[in-house]
Amino acid sequence: MLKENKIVEVTKPVRLELLKDKFVLPPEIQVKVDAYWEELVEKKPCYRRGEAFTISDVCEKDDAVEVKLALTDYAHYVYTRAVGLPAEFAFNNMHTSCAIETADGVLIFGLTGENTASIGIVQCVGGGLDRDDVRGNEIDLEHNIKKELQEEVGIDANDEKVASSLKLGYLKYTFNEKFSSIAAIFYLKLKLSEKEFRVHYGEFEKELREKGQVPELQKIVYLPKKEEAIWEFLRNSKSDSLDIYIEALLEKLISEDNRENSGGV
């Protein structure tokens, strides 16, 4: 696993391989993970101990970035984030995120809700990889993010009336004392204005509640894609209220906008 913090533009294919062998924790650690999970679900019965994929290895080649993942479960992920594990046993997360921009230049983020692992965090639409994204022994990142866009904000990225373009833009590598992670950050440009998206999301949220479902996001955050507005947002936000990749992503967007406005010099 790469032990560094950086965000890079994607300029070559990113390939994800699911290994045949499951990731197995030593018995003495597994007991602790199981006990912590039991305590957690007593407080939050909505949590589900589903499958999860931990990063086993990352290799940056000249023609591709190759990531190998192994099957484990959500309890392993939660324990690593909350308590921590020795590096060789920690859950290292690979997930998707999607920065959304409206037709009139407004960035859309979400504030995580009560039924999520990290409550009250500003993040992009996105989520962890699961079995539904597996094709043979490969994992399809684009399938995952399209699914998350539909589930979290009701956007069909294949609908040409709504979506202008969707592409994998960046990889954000994060390393700290507890775990490492890679965020595969997509960029979606909408044909909807901010006002049109607000109407769309209001209708989507209403439909979810009528079905007895709780929206994953408790609030939508709208941020003009302007340097002054972004810096003000970052200054006024507490570091622990932003997902680990948000600040780096916004700074990257500012630098790229400045580069484009200066003619690419």
Protein backbone atom coordinates (compact mmCIF):
# COMPACT_ATOMS: atom_id res chain seq x y z
CA MET A 1 0.00 0.00 0.00
CA LEU A 2 1.29 3.46 -0.85
CA LYS A 3 2.28 5.28 2.36
CA GLU A 4 1.70 8.84 1.22
CA ASN A 5 -0.94 11.52 0.86
CA LYS A 6 -1.53 12.85 -2.63
CA ILE A 7 -4.18 13.50 -5.25
CA VAL A 8 -3.34 12.77 -8.88
CA GLU A 9 -5.14 13.23 -12.15
CA VAL A 10 -6.08 9.95 -13.81
CA THR A 11 -4.21 9.70 -17.10
CA LYS A 12 -4.15 5.91 -17.56
CA PRO A 13 -6.49 2.98 -16.90
CA VAL A 14 -7.21 1.99 -13.30
CA ARG A 15 -7.67 -1.77 -12.98
CA LEU A 16 -9.07 -3.46 -9.88
CA GLU A 17 -8.55 -7.19 -9.32
CA LEU A 18 -10.42 -9.21 -6.69
CA LEU A 19 -8.13 -11.89 -5.30
CA LYS A 20 -9.38 -15.47 -4.87
CA ASP A 21 -8.26 -15.77 -1.25
CA LYS A 22 -10.23 -14.06 1.52
CA PHE A 23 -8.42 -11.76 3.94
CA VAL A 24 -8.15 -13.64 7.25
CA LEU A 25 -7.48 -11.93 10.58
CA PRO A 26 -5.61 -13.74 13.38
CA PRO A 27 -8.08 -15.33 15.86
CA GLU A 28 -7.08 -13.01 18.71
CA ILE A 29 -7.86 -9.96 16.55
CA GLN A 30 -11.04 -11.44 15.06
CA VAL A 31 -12.44 -11.90 18.59
CA LYS A 32 -11.96 -8.20 19.29
CA VAL A 33 -13.55 -7.20 15.97
CA ASP A 34 -16.57 -9.43 16.65
CA ALA A 35 -17.04 -8.05 20.17
CA TYR A 36 -16.80 -4.45 18.98
CA TRP A 37 -19.35 -5.14 16.24
CA GLU A 38 -21.83 -6.65 18.68
CA GLU A 39 -21.61 -3.55 20.89
CA LEU A 40 -22.04 -1.30 17.86
CA VAL A 41 -25.19 -2.96 16.51
CA GLU A 42 -26.82 -2.80 19.94
CA LYS A 43 -26.60 1.00 19.63
CA LYS A 44 -27.26 1.15 15.87
CA PRO A 45 -29.38 -1.82 14.73
CA CYS A 46 -29.48 -0.40 11.19
CA TYR A 47 -25.86 -1.46 10.60
CA ARG A 48 -25.35 -4.53 8.42
CA ARG A 49 -22.27 -6.72 8.43
CA GLY A 50 -21.93 -7.14 4.71
CA GLU A 51 -18.98 -7.98 2.51
CA ALA A 52 -16.20 -5.45 1.97
CA PHE A 53 -12.98 -5.37 -0.05
CA THR A 54 -9.67 -4.33 1.49
CA ILE A 55 -6.69 -3.20 -0.58
CA SER A 56 -3.96 -5.83 -0.66
CA ASP A 57 -1.52 -4.17 -3.04
CA VAL A 58 -1.15 -1.17 -5.36
CA CYS A 59 1.16 -1.09 -8.37
CA GLU A 60 1.64 2.00 -10.54
CA LYS A 61 2.84 0.85 -13.95
CA ASP A 62 3.64 2.91 -17.01
CA ASP A 63 0.39 1.92 -18.72
CA ALA A 64 -1.99 1.44 -15.76
CA VAL A 65 -2.63 1.65 -12.05
CA GLU A 66 -3.33 -1.83 -10.72
CA VAL A 67 -5.05 -2.38 -7.39
CA LYS A 68 -5.52 -5.81 -5.83
CA LEU A 69 -8.30 -6.29 -3.27
CA ALA A 70 -9.29 -9.12 -0.94
CA LEU A 71 -12.67 -10.02 0.52
CA THR A 72 -13.36 -9.23 4.18
CA ASP A 73 -16.36 -7.63 5.91
CA TYR A 74 -17.76 -4.30 7.14
CA ALA A 75 -16.95 -5.07 10.78
CA HIS A 76 -13.26 -5.18 9.83
CA TYR A 77 -13.62 -1.76 8.19
CA VAL A 78 -15.43 -0.19 11.16
CA TYR A 79 -12.99 -1.57 13.73
CA THR A 80 -9.98 -0.30 11.78
CA ARG A 81 -11.47 3.20 11.51
CA ALA A 82 -12.61 3.40 15.13
CA VAL A 83 -9.95 1.48 17.05
CA GLY A 84 -7.07 0.75 14.73
CA LEU A 85 -5.07 -2.36 13.87
CA PRO A 86 -1.42 -3.14 13.07
CA ALA A 87 -0.69 -2.15 9.46
CA GLU A 88 -0.60 -5.72 8.16
CA PHE A 89 -4.12 -6.39 9.48
CA ALA A 90 -5.78 -3.00 8.93
CA PHE A 91 -8.65 -2.52 6.49
CA ASN A 92 -7.40 -0.34 3.63
CA ASN A 93 -10.34 1.18 1.82
CA MET A 94 -10.95 1.62 -1.90
CA HIS A 95 -14.09 3.57 -2.66
CA THR A 96 -15.70 5.80 -5.24
CA SER A 97 -16.67 9.44 -4.94
CA CYS A 98 -18.23 11.80 -7.46
CA ALA A 99 -17.87 15.55 -7.61
CA ILE A 100 -21.05 16.88 -9.24
CA GLU A 101 -21.18 20.19 -11.08
CA THR A 102 -24.43 21.78 -12.24
CA ALA A 103 -24.84 23.45 -15.62
CA ASP A 104 -24.44 26.85 -13.97
CA GLY A 105 -21.22 26.02 -12.12
CA VAL A 106 -22.29 24.88 -8.65
CA LEU A 107 -20.63 21.92 -6.92
CA ILE A 108 -22.88 19.47 -5.10
CA PHE A 109 -21.87 17.56 -1.98
CA GLY A 110 -23.83 15.75 0.70
CA LEU A 111 -23.93 15.82 4.51
CA THR A 112 -24.07 12.24 5.76
CA GLY A 113 -27.14 11.14 7.69
CA GLU A 114 -27.90 9.30 10.93
CA ASN A 115 -27.90 5.88 9.27
CA THR A 116 -24.31 6.14 8.03
CA ALA A 117 -21.01 5.11 9.65
CA SER A 118 -19.75 8.71 9.86
CA ILE A 119 -22.57 11.12 10.74
CA GLY A 120 -22.47 14.80 9.74
CA ILE A 121 -19.56 14.63 7.30
CA VAL A 122 -19.44 16.59 4.05
CA GLN A 123 -18.57 14.22 1.23
CA CYS A 124 -19.15 13.50 -2.43
CA VAL A 125 -21.79 11.05 -3.53
CA GLY A 126 -20.14 7.65 -3.56
CA GLY A 127 -19.54 4.54 -1.54
CA GLY A 128 -17.72 1.30 -0.94
CA LEU A 129 -17.29 -1.43 -3.51
CA ASP A 130 -19.43 -4.56 -3.24
CA ARG A 131 -20.20 -7.87 -4.93
CA ASP A 132 -22.59 -6.20 -7.37
CA ASP A 133 -19.61 -4.37 -8.92
CA VAL A 134 -17.61 -7.56 -9.59
CA ARG A 135 -17.18 -8.77 -13.16
CA GLY A 136 -15.26 -12.04 -13.18
CA ASN A 137 -12.20 -11.22 -11.10
CA GLU A 138 -12.36 -7.48 -11.85
CA ILE A 139 -14.25 -4.68 -10.07
CA ASP A 140 -16.07 -2.09 -12.16
CA LEU A 141 -15.62 1.41 -10.66
CA GLU A 142 -17.96 3.09 -13.13
CA HIS A 143 -20.77 0.64 -12.36
CA ASN A 144 -20.33 1.41 -8.66
CA ILE A 145 -20.49 5.20 -8.98
CA LYS A 146 -23.49 5.11 -11.31
CA LYS A 147 -25.28 2.95 -8.75
CA GLU A 148 -24.37 5.35 -5.92
CA LEU A 149 -25.56 8.38 -7.90
CA GLN A 150 -28.92 6.71 -8.43
CA GLU A 151 -29.26 5.61 -4.79
CA GLU A 152 -28.11 8.81 -3.09
CA VAL A 153 -29.39 11.63 -5.30
CA GLY A 154 -31.62 9.92 -7.89
CA ILE A 155 -29.40 10.80 -10.84
CA ASP A 156 -29.20 8.43 -13.82
CA ALA A 157 -25.77 9.11 -15.29
CA ASN A 158 -26.83 7.34 -18.50
CA ASP A 159 -29.70 9.79 -19.09
CA GLU A 160 -28.50 12.25 -21.72
CA LYS A 161 -31.22 14.71 -20.69
CA VAL A 162 -29.69 14.96 -17.22
CA ALA A 163 -25.98 14.12 -17.49
CA SER A 164 -23.52 15.85 -19.79
CA SER A 165 -20.41 13.78 -18.98
CA LEU A 166 -19.03 11.38 -16.38
CA LYS A 167 -15.37 10.48 -16.11
CA LEU A 168 -12.86 9.18 -13.59
CA GLY A 169 -10.86 12.30 -12.82
CA TYR A 170 -8.61 11.71 -9.81
CA LEU A 171 -7.18 9.21 -7.38
CA LYS A 172 -6.77 10.49 -3.83
CA TYR A 173 -4.30 8.46 -1.76
CA THR A 174 -4.60 8.87 2.01
CA PHE A 175 -2.32 7.41 4.67
CA ASN A 176 -2.51 7.83 8.43
CA GLU A 177 -1.69 5.95 11.60
CA LYS A 178 -4.81 3.76 11.37
CA PHE A 179 -5.37 2.96 7.71
CA SER A 180 -4.72 3.76 4.07
CA SER A 181 -7.34 4.48 1.44
CA ILE A 182 -7.77 5.33 -2.20
CA ALA A 183 -10.70 7.42 -3.38
CA ALA A 184 -11.51 7.00 -7.06
CA ILE A 185 -13.03 10.43 -7.71
CA PHE A 186 -15.32 10.78 -10.69
CA TYR A 187 -16.53 14.08 -12.11
CA LEU A 188 -20.12 14.43 -13.30
CA LYS A 189 -21.29 17.46 -15.25
CA LEU A 190 -25.04 17.91 -15.23
CA LYS A 191 -27.32 19.53 -17.76
CA LEU A 192 -29.46 20.64 -14.80
CA SER A 193 -28.99 24.05 -13.20
CA GLU A 194 -28.71 24.36 -9.42
CA LYS A 195 -32.38 25.36 -9.25
CA GLU A 196 -33.42 22.39 -11.38
CA PHE A 197 -31.35 20.01 -9.26
CA ARG A 198 -32.93 21.35 -6.07
CA VAL A 199 -36.37 20.57 -7.49
CA HIS A 200 -35.21 17.14 -8.65
CA TYR A 201 -33.68 16.22 -5.30
CA GLY A 202 -36.72 17.45 -3.39
CA GLU A 203 -38.93 15.12 -5.43
CA PHE A 204 -36.45 12.25 -5.04
CA GLU A 205 -36.29 12.68 -1.26
CA LYS A 206 -40.08 12.80 -1.04
CA GLU A 207 -40.37 9.54 -3.00
CA LEU A 208 -37.91 7.82 -0.66
CA ARG A 209 -39.81 8.90 2.45
CA GLU A 210 -43.12 7.81 0.95
CA LYS A 211 -41.57 4.34 0.52
CA GLY A 212 -40.50 4.37 4.16
CA GLN A 213 -36.84 4.79 3.25
CA VAL A 214 -34.41 7.16 4.95
CA PRO A 215 -32.25 9.30 2.60
CA GLU A 216 -28.53 8.60 2.96
CA LEU A 217 -27.84 12.34 2.98
CA GLN A 218 -29.42 14.55 5.61
CA LYS A 219 -28.62 17.67 3.60
CA ILE A 220 -27.29 18.75 0.21
CA VAL A 221 -24.39 21.20 0.23
CA TYR A 222 -24.25 23.66 -2.68
CA LEU A 223 -20.91 25.37 -3.33
CA PRO A 224 -20.27 27.78 -6.23
CA LYS A 225 -17.25 26.63 -8.22
CA LYS A 226 -15.44 29.90 -7.67
CA GLU A 227 -12.07 30.27 -5.99
CA GLU A 228 -13.22 32.80 -3.39
CA ALA A 229 -16.29 30.73 -2.44
CA ILE A 230 -14.26 27.52 -2.15
CA TRP A 231 -11.57 29.08 0.05
CA GLU A 232 -14.24 30.60 2.28
CA PHE A 233 -15.95 27.21 2.57
CA LEU A 234 -12.66 25.56 3.58
CA ARG A 235 -11.83 28.30 6.10
CA ASN A 236 -15.24 27.98 7.75
CA SER A 237 -15.26 24.17 7.84
CA LYS A 238 -13.81 22.16 10.71
CA SER A 239 -11.29 19.59 9.51
CA ASP A 240 -13.22 16.73 11.09
CA SER A 241 -16.43 17.78 9.30
CA LEU A 242 -14.99 17.08 5.84
CA ASP A 243 -14.28 13.67 4.36
CA ILE A 244 -10.57 12.96 4.05
CA TYR A 245 -10.35 13.80 0.34
CA ILE A 246 -12.57 16.92 0.13
CA GLU A 247 -9.96 19.59 0.87
CA ALA A 248 -7.43 18.12 -1.58
CA LEU A 249 -10.11 17.78 -4.25
CA LEU A 250 -11.28 21.39 -3.91
CA GLU A 251 -7.72 22.69 -4.00
CA LYS A 252 -7.10 20.62 -7.13
CA LEU A 253 -10.19 22.08 -8.81
CA ILE A 254 -9.03 25.61 -7.96
CA SER A 255 -5.55 25.02 -9.39
CA GLU A 256 -6.94 23.50 -12.59
CA ASP A 257 -9.40 26.37 -13.07
CA ASN A 258 -6.55 28.86 -12.59
CA ARG A 259 -4.45 26.96 -15.12
CA GLU A 260 -7.29 26.97 -17.68
CA ASN A 261 -7.99 30.67 -17.14
CA SER A 262 -4.33 31.49 -17.69
CA GLY A 263 -4.29 29.60 -20.98
CA GLY A 264 -2.67 26.45 -19.61
CA VAL A 265 0.60 28.18 -18.76
